[in-house]
Amino acid sequence: MSQPVQPPNQPQQPFGGQPVDGNPYAGGPGQGAPAAPTGNPYGQQPPAPAPTGNPFAGQQPGQGAPFGGGAPFTPAPPARNNVLLGVAVALGAAIVAGILYGVIAGSIEREVGYAAVGVGFLVGFAASKVGGSNPAVIAASAVFSIGAVYVGQLIGISMILADLAQIPFSEVVGDHFDTVTKAWSEEADFMTYLFLGLGAVAAVGGAKKAG
């Protein structure tokens, strides 16, 4: 009984009879089998450097900050040592406070110690808030406070004289100012000078409070 004859040039199965179709890792003749996957898609990449906490640690020397800007900087604090501006503020505050003090004194026809203290404190605080704790600013505040209280006393006397003489306040100040200063000299007593001193002391206290 004869056996069937095998057809010539039957394809050989590579690598021990394993099929080629459907095997992505099957190599061609003369090629070794590739390494099996490890399950880590990043296994072939070098390890990343450990974080140092510095966001700029990876930059090369000479590189700027992110977003194309320069190196970060701290803004300088606002300057508060302008002596001339502080003196100017002290003068302006003294004029305003002196007028208010005179109006109060003339309205009630007497001086108030708390008002004199308020004048000095306002002048010293405003001047030092702008010009800083410079000794020249503090000294100017004290001098201007004395002048503010003095001007306030003159305004108060002028208001009283205008009321007694039944003439306008502007006429008393413009035409009879010598009479006003003479009346101040005659009526000045210990309390009058005390109020002047309180204004100066309060100005120093206000300047230190602002500084």
C-alpha atoms as a PDB file:
ATOM      1  CA  MET A   1       0.000   0.000   0.000  1.00  0.00           C
ATOM      2  CA  SER A   2       1.618   3.304  -1.054  1.00  0.00           C
ATOM      3  CA  GLN A   3       1.836   6.435   1.190  1.00  0.00           C
ATOM      4  CA  PRO A   4       0.983   9.953   0.025  1.00  0.00           C
ATOM      5  CA  VAL A   5       3.876  11.971  -1.305  1.00  0.00           C
ATOM      6  CA  GLN A   6       4.623  15.244   0.496  1.00  0.00           C
ATOM      7  CA  PRO A   7       4.525  18.343  -1.712  1.00  0.00           C
ATOM      8  CA  PRO A   8       7.971  19.869  -2.373  1.00  0.00           C
ATOM      9  CA  ASN A   9       9.214  23.118  -0.702  1.00  0.00           C
ATOM     10  CA  GLN A  10       6.834  22.891   2.215  1.00  0.00           C
ATOM     11  CA  PRO A  11       7.235  26.044   4.332  1.00  0.00           C
ATOM     12  CA  GLN A  12       9.210  25.543   7.457  1.00  0.00           C
ATOM     13  CA  GLN A  13       8.075  26.854  10.790  1.00  0.00           C
ATOM     14  CA  PRO A  14      10.783  29.114  12.295  1.00  0.00           C
ATOM     15  CA  PHE A  15      12.205  28.721  15.753  1.00  0.00           C
ATOM     16  CA  GLY A  16      11.030  25.278  16.662  1.00  0.00           C
ATOM     17  CA  GLY A  17       7.786  25.216  14.828  1.00  0.00           C
ATOM     18  CA  GLN A  18       6.229  28.384  16.299  1.00  0.00           C
ATOM     19  CA  PRO A  19       3.866  30.155  13.914  1.00  0.00           C
ATOM     20  CA  VAL A  20       4.943  33.463  12.437  1.00  0.00           C
ATOM     21  CA  ASP A  21       1.500  34.841  11.730  1.00  0.00           C
ATOM     22  CA  GLY A  22       0.059  36.751  14.711  1.00  0.00           C
ATOM     23  CA  ASN A  23       3.361  36.842  16.649  1.00  0.00           C
ATOM     24  CA  PRO A  24       4.677  40.431  16.796  1.00  0.00           C
ATOM     25  CA  TYR A  25       7.918  39.311  18.429  1.00  0.00           C
ATOM     26  CA  ALA A  26       8.908  36.746  15.845  1.00  0.00           C
ATOM     27  CA  GLY A  27      12.121  37.797  14.140  1.00  0.00           C
ATOM     28  CA  GLY A  28      13.317  37.077  10.697  1.00  0.00           C
ATOM     29  CA  PRO A  29      15.992  34.564   9.846  1.00  0.00           C
ATOM     30  CA  GLY A  30      19.243  35.299  11.607  1.00  0.00           C
ATOM     31  CA  GLN A  31      17.694  37.706  14.125  1.00  0.00           C
ATOM     32  CA  GLY A  32      17.471  37.110  17.845  1.00  0.00           C
ATOM     33  CA  ALA A  33      14.227  37.341  19.714  1.00  0.00           C
ATOM     34  CA  PRO A  34      13.566  40.795  21.242  1.00  0.00           C
ATOM     35  CA  ALA A  35      13.399  41.205  24.983  1.00  0.00           C
ATOM     36  CA  ALA A  36      10.024  40.644  26.517  1.00  0.00           C
ATOM     37  CA  PRO A  37       8.193  43.734  27.779  1.00  0.00           C
ATOM     38  CA  THR A  38       8.509  44.490  31.478  1.00  0.00           C
ATOM     39  CA  GLY A  39       5.144  46.257  31.897  1.00  0.00           C
ATOM     40  CA  ASN A  40       6.797  49.671  32.638  1.00  0.00           C
ATOM     41  CA  PRO A  41       6.408  52.041  29.680  1.00  0.00           C
ATOM     42  CA  TYR A  42       9.108  54.286  31.178  1.00  0.00           C
ATOM     43  CA  GLY A  43      11.621  51.601  31.948  1.00  0.00           C
ATOM     44  CA  GLN A  44      14.014  52.763  29.225  1.00  0.00           C
ATOM     45  CA  GLN A  45      13.969  56.445  30.296  1.00  0.00           C
ATOM     46  CA  PRO A  46      16.551  57.842  32.757  1.00  0.00           C
ATOM     47  CA  PRO A  47      15.204  58.626  36.237  1.00  0.00           C
ATOM     48  CA  ALA A  48      14.018  62.202  36.789  1.00  0.00           C
ATOM     49  CA  PRO A  49      15.961  64.292  39.318  1.00  0.00           C
ATOM     50  CA  ALA A  50      14.441  64.553  42.758  1.00  0.00           C
ATOM     51  CA  PRO A  51      12.652  67.868  43.498  1.00  0.00           C
ATOM     52  CA  THR A  52      14.712  70.337  45.500  1.00  0.00           C
ATOM     53  CA  GLY A  53      11.938  72.812  46.426  1.00  0.00           C
ATOM     54  CA  ASN A  54      13.505  75.536  44.241  1.00  0.00           C
ATOM     55  CA  PRO A  55      11.402  76.193  41.095  1.00  0.00           C
ATOM     56  CA  PHE A  56      14.455  77.698  39.380  1.00  0.00           C
ATOM     57  CA  ALA A  57      16.857  74.838  40.220  1.00  0.00           C
ATOM     58  CA  GLY A  58      16.748  73.409  36.695  1.00  0.00           C
ATOM     59  CA  GLN A  59      17.717  76.629  34.963  1.00  0.00           C
ATOM     60  CA  GLN A  60      21.193  77.218  33.625  1.00  0.00           C
ATOM     61  CA  PRO A  61      23.264  80.068  35.057  1.00  0.00           C
ATOM     62  CA  GLY A  62      22.388  83.351  33.399  1.00  0.00           C
ATOM     63  CA  GLN A  63      18.828  82.352  32.522  1.00  0.00           C
ATOM     64  CA  GLY A  64      16.099  84.784  33.545  1.00  0.00           C
ATOM     65  CA  ALA A  65      12.945  84.130  35.454  1.00  0.00           C
ATOM     66  CA  PRO A  66       9.982  82.396  33.737  1.00  0.00           C
ATOM     67  CA  PHE A  67       7.786  84.213  31.229  1.00  0.00           C
ATOM     68  CA  GLY A  68      10.745  86.161  29.858  1.00  0.00           C
ATOM     69  CA  GLY A  69      11.052  88.515  32.833  1.00  0.00           C
ATOM     70  CA  GLY A  70      14.117  89.452  34.786  1.00  0.00           C
ATOM     71  CA  ALA A  71      15.054  88.216  38.207  1.00  0.00           C
ATOM     72  CA  PRO A  72      12.355  88.721  40.855  1.00  0.00           C
ATOM     73  CA  PHE A  73      12.838  91.798  43.014  1.00  0.00           C
ATOM     74  CA  THR A  74      11.338  93.289  46.140  1.00  0.00           C
ATOM     75  CA  PRO A  75       9.803  96.762  45.664  1.00  0.00           C
ATOM     76  CA  ALA A  76      11.407  99.469  47.770  1.00  0.00           C
ATOM     77  CA  PRO A  77       9.268 100.845  50.634  1.00  0.00           C
ATOM     78  CA  PRO A  78       7.905 104.352  50.146  1.00  0.00           C
ATOM     79  CA  ALA A  79      10.233 107.058  51.320  1.00  0.00           C
ATOM     80  CA  ARG A  80       9.165 108.954  54.411  1.00  0.00           C
ATOM     81  CA  ASN A  81      12.203 111.131  55.027  1.00  0.00           C
ATOM     82  CA  ASN A  82      11.357 114.201  52.933  1.00  0.00           C
ATOM     83  CA  VAL A  83      12.204 116.947  55.397  1.00  0.00           C
ATOM     84  CA  LEU A  84      11.088 119.871  53.255  1.00  0.00           C
ATOM     85  CA  LEU A  85       7.736 118.282  52.473  1.00  0.00           C
ATOM     86  CA  GLY A  86       7.221 117.437  56.135  1.00  0.00           C
ATOM     87  CA  VAL A  87       7.898 121.052  57.147  1.00  0.00           C
ATOM     88  CA  ALA A  88       5.496 122.298  54.464  1.00  0.00           C
ATOM     89  CA  VAL A  89       2.786 119.949  55.718  1.00  0.00           C
ATOM     90  CA  ALA A  90       3.393 121.148  59.277  1.00  0.00           C
ATOM     91  CA  LEU A  91       2.926 124.763  58.174  1.00  0.00           C
ATOM     92  CA  GLY A  92      -0.275 123.991  56.276  1.00  0.00           C
ATOM     93  CA  ALA A  93      -1.720 121.971  59.146  1.00  0.00           C
ATOM     94  CA  ALA A  94      -0.823 124.754  61.603  1.00  0.00           C
ATOM     95  CA  ILE A  95      -2.704 127.355  59.534  1.00  0.00           C
ATOM     96  CA  VAL A  96      -5.832 125.219  59.301  1.00  0.00           C
ATOM     97  CA  ALA A  97      -5.739 124.113  62.934  1.00  0.00           C
ATOM     98  CA  GLY A  98      -5.077 127.676  64.148  1.00  0.00           C
ATOM     99  CA  ILE A  99      -8.124 129.008  62.309  1.00  0.00           C
ATOM    100  CA  LEU A 100     -10.327 126.262  63.729  1.00  0.00           C
ATOM    101  CA  TYR A 101      -8.974 126.909  67.221  1.00  0.00           C
ATOM    102  CA  GLY A 102      -9.701 130.631  66.909  1.00  0.00           C
ATOM    103  CA  VAL A 103     -13.251 130.018  65.691  1.00  0.00           C
ATOM    104  CA  ILE A 104     -13.928 127.714  68.643  1.00  0.00           C
ATOM    105  CA  ALA A 105     -12.415 130.159  71.145  1.00  0.00           C
ATOM    106  CA  GLY A 106     -14.299 133.115  69.676  1.00  0.00           C
ATOM    107  CA  SER A 107     -17.599 131.240  69.594  1.00  0.00           C
ATOM    108  CA  ILE A 108     -17.519 130.238  73.265  1.00  0.00           C
ATOM    109  CA  GLU A 109     -15.513 133.357  74.288  1.00  0.00           C
ATOM    110  CA  ARG A 110     -12.938 131.325  76.155  1.00  0.00           C
ATOM    111  CA  GLU A 111      -9.927 129.154  75.466  1.00  0.00           C
ATOM    112  CA  VAL A 112     -10.008 125.386  75.844  1.00  0.00           C
ATOM    113  CA  GLY A 113      -6.912 123.448  76.807  1.00  0.00           C
ATOM    114  CA  TYR A 114      -8.003 120.335  74.944  1.00  0.00           C
ATOM    115  CA  ALA A 115      -8.345 122.350  71.761  1.00  0.00           C
ATOM    116  CA  ALA A 116      -4.751 123.608  72.083  1.00  0.00           C
ATOM    117  CA  VAL A 117      -3.562 120.055  72.604  1.00  0.00           C
ATOM    118  CA  GLY A 118      -5.526 118.953  69.554  1.00  0.00           C
ATOM    119  CA  VAL A 119      -3.902 121.667  67.441  1.00  0.00           C
ATOM    120  CA  GLY A 120      -0.396 120.563  68.356  1.00  0.00           C
ATOM    121  CA  PHE A 121      -1.148 116.865  67.948  1.00  0.00           C
ATOM    122  CA  LEU A 122      -2.658 117.388  64.511  1.00  0.00           C
ATOM    123  CA  VAL A 123       0.310 119.415  63.293  1.00  0.00           C
ATOM    124  CA  GLY A 124       2.929 116.980  64.594  1.00  0.00           C
ATOM    125  CA  PHE A 125       1.120 113.880  63.389  1.00  0.00           C
ATOM    126  CA  ALA A 126       0.538 115.176  59.860  1.00  0.00           C
ATOM    127  CA  ALA A 127       4.103 116.452  59.475  1.00  0.00           C
ATOM    128  CA  SER A 128       5.746 113.260  60.715  1.00  0.00           C
ATOM    129  CA  LYS A 129       3.436 111.089  58.655  1.00  0.00           C
ATOM    130  CA  VAL A 130       4.855 112.714  55.533  1.00  0.00           C
ATOM    131  CA  GLY A 131       8.370 113.755  56.550  1.00  0.00           C
ATOM    132  CA  GLY A 132       9.247 110.947  58.952  1.00  0.00           C
ATOM    133  CA  SER A 133      10.719 111.210  62.436  1.00  0.00           C
ATOM    134  CA  ASN A 134      13.383 113.680  61.416  1.00  0.00           C
ATOM    135  CA  PRO A 135      14.367 116.060  64.270  1.00  0.00           C
ATOM    136  CA  ALA A 136      13.942 119.043  61.954  1.00  0.00           C
ATOM    137  CA  VAL A 137      10.367 118.014  61.163  1.00  0.00           C
ATOM    138  CA  ILE A 138       9.547 117.543  64.850  1.00  0.00           C
ATOM    139  CA  ALA A 139      11.079 120.896  65.778  1.00  0.00           C
ATOM    140  CA  ALA A 140       9.203 122.656  63.002  1.00  0.00           C
ATOM    141  CA  SER A 141       5.968 121.030  64.149  1.00  0.00           C
ATOM    142  CA  ALA A 142       6.473 122.311  67.701  1.00  0.00           C
ATOM    143  CA  VAL A 143       7.238 125.875  66.553  1.00  0.00           C
ATOM    144  CA  PHE A 144       4.331 125.974  64.103  1.00  0.00           C
ATOM    145  CA  SER A 145       1.996 124.614  66.775  1.00  0.00           C
ATOM    146  CA  ILE A 146       2.877 127.503  69.081  1.00  0.00           C
ATOM    147  CA  GLY A 147       2.193 129.896  66.216  1.00  0.00           C
ATOM    148  CA  ALA A 148      -1.106 128.130  65.450  1.00  0.00           C
ATOM    149  CA  VAL A 149      -2.331 128.499  69.025  1.00  0.00           C
ATOM    150  CA  TYR A 150      -1.236 132.153  69.065  1.00  0.00           C
ATOM    151  CA  VAL A 151      -3.048 132.881  65.782  1.00  0.00           C
ATOM    152  CA  GLY A 152      -6.079 131.092  67.148  1.00  0.00           C
ATOM    153  CA  GLN A 153      -6.052 133.302  70.236  1.00  0.00           C
ATOM    154  CA  LEU A 154      -5.882 136.411  68.054  1.00  0.00           C
ATOM    155  CA  ILE A 155      -8.786 135.186  65.933  1.00  0.00           C
ATOM    156  CA  GLY A 156     -10.810 134.520  69.058  1.00  0.00           C
ATOM    157  CA  ILE A 157     -10.133 138.035  70.410  1.00  0.00           C
ATOM    158  CA  SER A 158     -11.014 139.544  67.016  1.00  0.00           C
ATOM    159  CA  MET A 159     -14.346 137.701  66.976  1.00  0.00           C
ATOM    160  CA  ILE A 160     -15.146 138.954  70.495  1.00  0.00           C
ATOM    161  CA  LEU A 161     -14.219 142.560  69.653  1.00  0.00           C
ATOM    162  CA  ALA A 162     -16.235 142.418  66.428  1.00  0.00           C
ATOM    163  CA  ASP A 163     -19.244 141.209  68.391  1.00  0.00           C
ATOM    164  CA  LEU A 164     -18.851 143.919  71.060  1.00  0.00           C
ATOM    165  CA  ALA A 165     -18.307 146.746  68.551  1.00  0.00           C
ATOM    166  CA  GLN A 166     -20.946 145.438  66.138  1.00  0.00           C
ATOM    167  CA  ILE A 167     -18.569 145.655  63.202  1.00  0.00           C
ATOM    168  CA  PRO A 168     -17.533 143.011  60.660  1.00  0.00           C
ATOM    169  CA  PHE A 169     -14.792 140.580  61.618  1.00  0.00           C
ATOM    170  CA  SER A 170     -12.802 141.485  58.502  1.00  0.00           C
ATOM    171  CA  GLU A 171     -12.771 145.138  59.559  1.00  0.00           C
ATOM    172  CA  VAL A 172     -11.367 144.285  62.965  1.00  0.00           C
ATOM    173  CA  VAL A 173      -8.576 142.190  61.450  1.00  0.00           C
ATOM    174  CA  GLY A 174      -7.830 144.544  58.577  1.00  0.00           C
ATOM    175  CA  ASP A 175      -8.158 147.978  60.250  1.00  0.00           C
ATOM    176  CA  HIS A 176      -7.700 147.339  63.957  1.00  0.00           C
ATOM    177  CA  PHE A 177      -5.222 144.482  64.120  1.00  0.00           C
ATOM    178  CA  ASP A 178      -2.931 146.542  66.370  1.00  0.00           C
ATOM    179  CA  THR A 179      -5.823 146.811  68.812  1.00  0.00           C
ATOM    180  CA  VAL A 180      -6.201 143.026  68.716  1.00  0.00           C
ATOM    181  CA  THR A 181      -2.512 142.400  69.517  1.00  0.00           C
ATOM    182  CA  LYS A 182      -2.615 145.014  72.291  1.00  0.00           C
ATOM    183  CA  ALA A 183      -5.668 143.336  73.795  1.00  0.00           C
ATOM    184  CA  TRP A 184      -3.869 139.966  73.668  1.00  0.00           C
ATOM    185  CA  SER A 185      -0.859 141.410  75.527  1.00  0.00           C
ATOM    186  CA  GLU A 186      -3.076 142.923  78.211  1.00  0.00           C
ATOM    187  CA  GLU A 187      -5.186 139.809  78.688  1.00  0.00           C
ATOM    188  CA  ALA A 188      -2.360 137.275  78.518  1.00  0.00           C
ATOM    189  CA  ASP A 189      -1.845 135.341  81.740  1.00  0.00           C
ATOM    190  CA  PHE A 190      -0.387 132.065  82.914  1.00  0.00           C
ATOM    191  CA  MET A 191      -3.068 130.014  81.165  1.00  0.00           C
ATOM    192  CA  THR A 192      -2.445 131.823  77.884  1.00  0.00           C
ATOM    193  CA  TYR A 193       1.213 130.801  77.841  1.00  0.00           C
ATOM    194  CA  LEU A 194       0.344 127.362  79.165  1.00  0.00           C
ATOM    195  CA  PHE A 195      -1.840 126.726  76.157  1.00  0.00           C
ATOM    196  CA  LEU A 196       1.044 127.749  73.890  1.00  0.00           C
ATOM    197  CA  GLY A 197       3.297 125.240  75.637  1.00  0.00           C
ATOM    198  CA  LEU A 198       0.653 122.510  75.458  1.00  0.00           C
ATOM    199  CA  GLY A 199       0.498 122.954  71.710  1.00  0.00           C
ATOM    200  CA  ALA A 200       4.250 122.413  71.361  1.00  0.00           C
ATOM    201  CA  VAL A 201       4.299 119.364  73.639  1.00  0.00           C
ATOM    202  CA  ALA A 202       1.344 117.833  71.829  1.00  0.00           C
ATOM    203  CA  ALA A 203       3.084 118.369  68.486  1.00  0.00           C
ATOM    204  CA  VAL A 204       6.081 116.325  69.660  1.00  0.00           C
ATOM    205  CA  GLY A 205       3.759 113.610  70.921  1.00  0.00           C
ATOM    206  CA  GLY A 206       1.844 113.536  67.638  1.00  0.00           C
ATOM    207  CA  ALA A 207       5.072 113.268  65.642  1.00  0.00           C
ATOM    208  CA  LYS A 208       6.279 110.324  67.735  1.00  0.00           C
ATOM    209  CA  LYS A 209       2.885 108.667  67.392  1.00  0.00           C
ATOM    210  CA  ALA A 210       3.031 108.908  63.607  1.00  0.00           C
ATOM    211  CA  GLY A 211       6.620 107.685  63.492  1.00  0.00           C
END
